[in-house]
Amino acid sequence: MSEDEIKDTRDDLGHLVENFEKCIDLGLNYQEKGQELVNLGKVGKGVAKHFNENYDSYERLAKDFPDTKPNLDFIGNWSSYGNKKLESNIQGLYKAQDLVSEYLTDTGSVCLSGSSGYSGYRSDIDEIRIEHDLVNFNETYHVTEPPPPIPFSNIQEELERLLNEIDPALNERRKGAWYAFQSGSPDKRGQAAHSMRDILSALISKWASNEDVKKAEWWECEENTRDGVSLRQRLRFLLFGPYNIDGSDSDLEIIEETVSKYFDEDKFLKKVAHGSKEGTDDLIESIMYSIESALLNIIKMRKKYWK
């Protein structure tokens, strides 16, 4: 990279930090507004429920005590006015919810891609450390290891829910990979990592077979590939379907870079085989988390574009 490219990257990273801070601020604001909506709903529901349950009593009171008739009229006017206003507001809130959900999907894609990239970079560093016997690697390069920006428990919880919706068997295989990793088996690391990778491969095969890809309006035979279909084309079909979608190239490129790490047999197996004795478990765990991030990203993007 040239000095200008390095400067641009550093500027972009600084801007990225600022943008994620804005996401946090917006999220807190939405959280506050959402709680306000919940509170208003509870108050309004309480009043409406009271009037609904006691309307017959109020009606009898109005007959016996005509002075209370304006109160009975108010209940009728309020219920009519409230329904008109709320139905309009609720429709607006549903639209806002859909819009927020769409932007959350895109924001989540950025976060999950970063998490996968972070995990992948850690595995690259681990391989370099072993191959070159850099005992003082951290002291030399001062590479920090911050906690993941997204709690992996959150990622796994959402991934489990979505996988159970589309293919419970895949979710069982995912949990099986973690059982293998946590077992006392001598080959647990390689077995667990390969199992997680196979889940990613199965997902792509399930939703983007070569036969399906060839039916897409944008498909063209790709040279030097098996059956004329490239991984990039399969991922494009997986995420966006058979039709052309504007602005999809950047999303596709990031997903392809992430997934390619786990479809490069030599590089992936090399990392598994050459993990440091001190950090091998951490390395494999990081790879498994990275694949889960990629899985969740793919599923969420597919839900967005395959509506």
Protein backbone atom coordinates (compact mmCIF):
# COMPACT_ATOMS: atom_id res chain seq x y z
CA MET A 1 0.00 0.00 0.00
CA SER A 2 1.17 3.52 -0.78
CA GLU A 3 1.43 6.19 1.90
CA ASP A 4 -1.70 7.86 0.49
CA GLU A 5 -3.62 4.57 0.65
CA ILE A 6 -2.47 3.99 4.23
CA LYS A 7 -3.56 7.51 5.17
CA ASP A 8 -6.94 6.99 3.51
CA THR A 9 -7.43 3.72 5.38
CA ARG A 10 -6.53 5.29 8.71
CA ASP A 11 -8.90 8.20 7.99
CA ASP A 12 -11.64 5.72 7.07
CA LEU A 13 -11.08 3.75 10.27
CA GLY A 14 -11.30 6.90 12.37
CA HIS A 15 -14.51 7.85 10.57
CA LEU A 16 -15.83 4.32 11.06
CA VAL A 17 -15.34 4.60 14.81
CA GLU A 18 -17.27 7.89 14.77
CA ASN A 19 -20.07 6.33 12.73
CA PHE A 20 -20.41 3.40 15.12
CA GLU A 21 -20.58 5.89 17.99
CA LYS A 22 -23.49 7.52 16.15
CA CYS A 23 -25.13 4.09 15.88
CA ILE A 24 -24.84 3.72 19.64
CA ASP A 25 -26.38 7.16 20.19
CA LEU A 26 -29.22 6.39 17.79
CA GLY A 27 -29.82 3.03 19.42
CA LEU A 28 -30.04 4.61 22.86
CA ASN A 29 -32.44 7.21 21.45
CA TYR A 30 -34.61 4.51 19.86
CA GLN A 31 -34.48 2.59 23.12
CA GLU A 32 -35.68 5.66 25.01
CA LYS A 33 -38.42 6.36 22.46
CA GLY A 34 -39.44 2.71 22.47
CA GLN A 35 -39.77 2.68 26.24
CA GLU A 36 -41.78 5.89 26.05
CA LEU A 37 -44.12 4.20 23.54
CA VAL A 38 -44.45 1.19 25.85
CA ASN A 39 -45.31 3.43 28.80
CA LEU A 40 -47.88 5.40 26.79
CA GLY A 41 -49.40 2.15 25.53
CA LYS A 42 -49.73 0.80 29.05
CA VAL A 43 -51.38 3.98 30.34
CA GLY A 44 -53.76 4.22 27.37
CA LYS A 45 -54.61 0.52 27.53
CA GLY A 46 -55.36 0.81 31.25
CA VAL A 47 -57.78 3.66 30.71
CA ALA A 48 -59.48 2.06 27.69
CA LYS A 49 -59.75 -1.29 29.47
CA HIS A 50 -61.34 0.38 32.48
CA PHE A 51 -63.91 2.18 30.33
CA ASN A 52 -64.62 -1.00 28.35
CA GLU A 53 -65.15 -3.13 31.43
CA ASN A 54 -67.28 -0.51 33.21
CA TYR A 55 -69.19 1.03 30.30
CA ASP A 56 -72.48 -0.66 31.22
CA SER A 57 -72.17 0.73 34.76
CA TYR A 58 -71.42 4.23 33.47
CA GLU A 59 -74.42 3.95 31.12
CA ARG A 60 -76.76 3.05 34.01
CA LEU A 61 -75.33 5.91 36.05
CA ALA A 62 -76.04 8.34 33.19
CA LYS A 63 -79.66 7.21 33.10
CA ASP A 64 -80.10 7.68 36.84
CA PHE A 65 -77.91 10.78 37.06
CA PRO A 66 -78.19 12.81 33.84
CA ASP A 67 -75.44 15.17 34.98
CA THR A 68 -72.94 12.38 34.18
CA LYS A 69 -74.17 12.10 30.56
CA PRO A 70 -71.39 14.41 29.23
CA ASN A 71 -68.85 11.99 30.72
CA LEU A 72 -70.48 9.11 28.85
CA ASP A 73 -70.41 11.15 25.65
CA PHE A 74 -66.74 11.88 26.27
CA ILE A 75 -66.00 8.14 26.43
CA GLY A 76 -67.66 7.63 23.06
CA ASN A 77 -65.89 10.62 21.48
CA TRP A 78 -62.54 9.63 22.96
CA SER A 79 -62.76 6.03 21.77
CA SER A 80 -63.64 7.11 18.21
CA TYR A 81 -60.96 9.82 18.14
CA GLY A 82 -58.39 7.48 19.73
CA ASN A 83 -58.92 4.69 17.23
CA LYS A 84 -58.60 6.99 14.21
CA LYS A 85 -55.43 8.59 15.54
CA LEU A 86 -53.85 5.38 16.77
CA GLU A 87 -54.59 3.39 13.62
CA SER A 88 -52.92 6.10 11.58
CA ASN A 89 -50.01 6.34 14.02
CA ILE A 90 -49.59 2.57 14.21
CA GLN A 91 -49.37 2.32 10.42
CA GLY A 92 -46.71 5.01 10.50
CA LEU A 93 -44.85 3.19 13.25
CA TYR A 94 -45.00 -0.07 11.30
CA LYS A 95 -43.44 1.70 8.32
CA ALA A 96 -40.81 3.21 10.59
CA GLN A 97 -40.19 -0.24 12.08
CA ASP A 98 -39.66 -1.74 8.63
CA LEU A 99 -37.31 1.11 7.75
CA VAL A 100 -35.37 0.72 10.99
CA SER A 101 -35.21 -3.06 10.46
CA GLU A 102 -33.77 -2.52 6.99
CA TYR A 103 -31.11 -0.15 8.27
CA LEU A 104 -30.39 -2.48 11.19
CA THR A 105 -29.79 -5.31 8.73
CA ASP A 106 -27.28 -3.19 6.83
CA THR A 107 -25.62 -2.00 10.03
CA GLY A 108 -25.51 -5.58 11.28
CA SER A 109 -23.83 -6.63 8.04
CA VAL A 110 -21.05 -4.11 8.64
CA CYS A 111 -20.60 -5.24 12.27
CA LEU A 112 -20.66 -8.95 11.47
CA SER A 113 -18.23 -8.53 8.58
CA GLY A 114 -15.89 -6.68 10.91
CA SER A 115 -16.20 -9.42 13.52
CA SER A 116 -15.36 -12.08 10.94
CA GLY A 117 -12.45 -10.02 9.67
CA TYR A 118 -11.18 -9.49 13.20
CA SER A 119 -11.28 -13.23 13.90
CA GLY A 120 -9.60 -13.99 10.59
CA TYR A 121 -6.84 -11.47 11.24
CA ARG A 122 -6.18 -13.02 14.64
CA SER A 123 -5.72 -16.43 13.02
CA ASP A 124 -3.34 -14.91 10.44
CA ILE A 125 -1.26 -13.36 13.22
CA ASP A 126 -1.21 -16.67 15.10
CA GLU A 127 0.10 -18.45 12.00
CA ILE A 128 2.81 -15.83 11.45
CA ARG A 129 3.85 -16.06 15.09
CA ILE A 130 4.35 -19.84 14.82
CA GLU A 131 5.97 -19.94 11.38
CA HIS A 132 8.53 -17.29 12.25
CA ASP A 133 8.93 -18.14 15.93
CA LEU A 134 8.34 -14.53 16.95
CA VAL A 135 8.49 -15.00 20.69
CA ASN A 136 8.22 -11.27 21.34
CA PHE A 137 5.57 -10.67 18.66
CA ASN A 138 3.28 -8.58 20.84
CA GLU A 139 6.15 -6.58 22.27
CA THR A 140 7.47 -5.90 18.77
CA TYR A 141 4.22 -5.01 17.03
CA HIS A 142 2.04 -3.99 19.98
CA VAL A 143 -1.02 -5.74 18.57
CA THR A 144 -3.86 -5.40 21.05
CA GLU A 145 -6.58 -8.02 21.45
CA PRO A 146 -9.76 -6.16 22.43
CA PRO A 147 -12.92 -8.05 23.28
CA PRO A 148 -15.17 -8.69 20.27
CA PRO A 149 -17.29 -5.62 19.42
CA ILE A 150 -20.43 -7.76 19.36
CA PRO A 151 -20.97 -10.21 22.24
CA PHE A 152 -20.82 -13.62 20.58
CA SER A 153 -23.57 -14.84 22.90
CA ASN A 154 -25.89 -12.38 21.13
CA ILE A 155 -24.80 -13.61 17.71
CA GLN A 156 -25.30 -17.24 18.70
CA GLU A 157 -28.72 -16.59 20.20
CA GLU A 158 -29.98 -14.91 17.03
CA LEU A 159 -28.29 -17.46 14.77
CA GLU A 160 -29.89 -20.33 16.68
CA ARG A 161 -33.33 -18.76 16.32
CA LEU A 162 -32.96 -18.16 12.58
CA LEU A 163 -31.41 -21.56 11.85
CA ASN A 164 -34.24 -23.27 13.71
CA GLU A 165 -36.67 -21.42 11.45
CA ILE A 166 -35.03 -22.52 8.21
CA ASP A 167 -33.24 -25.79 9.01
CA PRO A 168 -33.21 -27.18 12.58
CA ALA A 169 -30.83 -29.95 11.49
CA LEU A 170 -28.18 -27.37 10.63
CA ASN A 171 -28.58 -25.79 14.03
CA GLU A 172 -28.08 -29.20 15.66
CA ARG A 173 -24.91 -29.63 13.63
CA ARG A 174 -23.75 -26.20 14.78
CA LYS A 175 -24.30 -27.13 18.42
CA GLY A 176 -22.58 -30.46 17.75
CA ALA A 177 -19.51 -28.58 16.54
CA TRP A 178 -19.32 -26.76 19.86
CA TYR A 179 -19.82 -30.02 21.77
CA ALA A 180 -16.88 -31.47 19.84
CA PHE A 181 -14.75 -28.41 20.59
CA GLN A 182 -15.52 -28.67 24.30
CA SER A 183 -14.87 -32.41 24.43
CA GLY A 184 -11.68 -34.18 25.48
CA SER A 185 -11.08 -35.68 22.06
CA PRO A 186 -7.47 -35.29 20.83
CA ASP A 187 -8.67 -34.12 17.39
CA LYS A 188 -11.41 -31.90 18.78
CA ARG A 189 -9.98 -28.72 17.25
CA GLY A 190 -9.89 -29.89 13.66
CA GLN A 191 -13.19 -31.77 13.98
CA ALA A 192 -15.00 -28.77 15.46
CA ALA A 193 -13.63 -26.26 12.94
CA HIS A 194 -14.39 -28.53 9.97
CA SER A 195 -17.92 -29.18 11.26
CA MET A 196 -18.62 -25.46 11.49
CA ARG A 197 -17.17 -24.90 8.03
CA ASP A 198 -19.33 -27.74 6.63
CA ILE A 199 -22.43 -26.01 7.99
CA LEU A 200 -21.54 -22.91 5.96
CA SER A 201 -20.98 -25.10 2.91
CA ALA A 202 -24.31 -26.89 3.46
CA LEU A 203 -26.15 -23.59 3.71
CA ILE A 204 -24.70 -22.42 0.40
CA SER A 205 -25.50 -25.76 -1.25
CA LYS A 206 -29.07 -25.69 0.09
CA TRP A 207 -29.89 -22.21 -1.19
CA ALA A 208 -27.55 -21.76 -4.15
CA SER A 209 -27.01 -24.95 -6.09
CA ASN A 210 -25.33 -24.75 -9.48
CA GLU A 211 -28.64 -25.62 -11.13
CA ASP A 212 -30.41 -22.73 -9.40
CA VAL A 213 -27.62 -20.26 -10.19
CA LYS A 214 -27.76 -21.13 -13.89
CA LYS A 215 -31.41 -20.08 -13.98
CA ALA A 216 -30.58 -16.54 -12.82
CA GLU A 217 -31.04 -13.79 -15.39
CA TRP A 218 -27.52 -12.50 -14.71
CA TRP A 219 -25.68 -15.86 -14.93
CA GLU A 220 -22.86 -16.27 -17.44
CA CYS A 221 -20.65 -19.33 -17.72
CA GLU A 222 -17.53 -18.75 -15.65
CA GLU A 223 -14.32 -20.19 -17.10
CA ASN A 224 -12.00 -22.38 -15.04
CA THR A 225 -14.78 -23.37 -12.67
CA ARG A 226 -16.62 -26.59 -12.01
CA ASP A 227 -19.82 -26.67 -14.05
CA GLY A 228 -19.39 -23.02 -15.08
CA VAL A 229 -20.45 -21.60 -11.70
CA SER A 230 -18.11 -19.67 -9.41
CA LEU A 231 -18.32 -19.24 -5.65
CA ARG A 232 -19.00 -15.55 -6.19
CA GLN A 233 -21.99 -16.39 -8.42
CA ARG A 234 -23.35 -18.83 -5.85
CA LEU A 235 -23.03 -16.22 -3.13
CA ARG A 236 -24.70 -13.64 -5.35
CA PHE A 237 -27.64 -15.96 -5.88
CA LEU A 238 -27.69 -16.87 -2.19
CA LEU A 239 -27.90 -13.23 -1.08
CA PHE A 240 -29.84 -11.49 -3.84
CA GLY A 241 -31.64 -14.16 -5.84
CA PRO A 242 -32.01 -14.58 -9.62
CA TYR A 243 -32.59 -10.92 -10.44
CA ASN A 244 -30.22 -7.99 -10.82
CA ILE A 245 -30.14 -5.73 -7.77
CA ASP A 246 -28.42 -2.36 -7.92
CA GLY A 247 -25.81 -1.55 -5.31
CA SER A 248 -25.19 -5.16 -4.33
CA ASP A 249 -21.55 -5.45 -5.42
CA SER A 250 -19.99 -4.06 -2.23
CA ASP A 251 -22.08 -6.38 -0.02
CA LEU A 252 -21.20 -9.34 -2.22
CA GLU A 253 -17.48 -8.53 -2.19
CA ILE A 254 -17.30 -8.43 1.60
CA ILE A 255 -19.23 -11.69 1.97
CA GLU A 256 -17.06 -13.35 -0.67
CA GLU A 257 -13.85 -12.29 1.07
CA THR A 258 -15.13 -13.69 4.35
CA VAL A 259 -16.45 -16.98 2.98
CA SER A 260 -13.41 -17.57 0.75
CA LYS A 261 -11.22 -17.88 3.84
CA TYR A 262 -13.07 -21.05 4.76
CA PHE A 263 -13.27 -22.52 1.26
CA ASP A 264 -9.54 -22.29 0.69
CA GLU A 265 -8.71 -25.79 1.88
CA ASP A 266 -4.95 -25.38 2.09
CA LYS A 267 -5.00 -22.11 4.03
CA PHE A 268 -7.77 -23.16 6.39
CA LEU A 269 -6.28 -26.57 7.16
CA LYS A 270 -2.86 -24.98 7.58
CA LYS A 271 -4.19 -22.70 10.29
CA VAL A 272 -5.77 -25.62 12.10
CA ALA A 273 -2.59 -27.67 11.90
CA HIS A 274 -0.15 -24.92 12.85
CA GLY A 275 -1.96 -23.16 15.68
CA SER A 276 0.27 -22.29 18.62
CA LYS A 277 0.26 -24.71 21.54
CA GLU A 278 -0.68 -21.87 23.83
CA GLY A 279 -3.31 -20.34 21.61
CA THR A 280 -4.69 -23.21 19.52
CA ASP A 281 -7.99 -23.39 21.38
CA ASP A 282 -8.35 -19.63 21.12
CA LEU A 283 -7.54 -19.79 17.41
CA ILE A 284 -10.12 -22.47 16.62
CA GLU A 285 -12.72 -20.80 18.82
CA SER A 286 -12.08 -17.54 16.97
CA ILE A 287 -12.49 -19.28 13.60
CA MET A 288 -15.75 -20.89 14.74
CA TYR A 289 -17.10 -17.56 15.95
CA SER A 290 -16.05 -15.99 12.66
CA ILE A 291 -17.97 -18.61 10.67
CA GLU A 292 -21.03 -18.08 12.87
CA SER A 293 -20.81 -14.34 12.21
CA ALA A 294 -20.67 -15.06 8.47
CA LEU A 295 -23.65 -17.44 8.72
CA LEU A 296 -25.76 -14.88 10.55
CA ASN A 297 -24.77 -12.15 8.11
CA ILE A 298 -25.76 -14.29 5.11
CA ILE A 299 -29.12 -15.30 6.59
CA LYS A 300 -30.05 -11.75 7.55
CA MET A 301 -29.06 -10.33 4.17
CA ARG A 302 -31.03 -13.05 2.40
CA LYS A 303 -34.10 -12.22 4.49
CA LYS A 304 -33.73 -8.58 3.43
CA TYR A 305 -33.32 -9.14 -0.32
CA TRP A 306 -35.58 -12.16 -0.76
CA LYS A 307 -38.73 -10.47 0.53
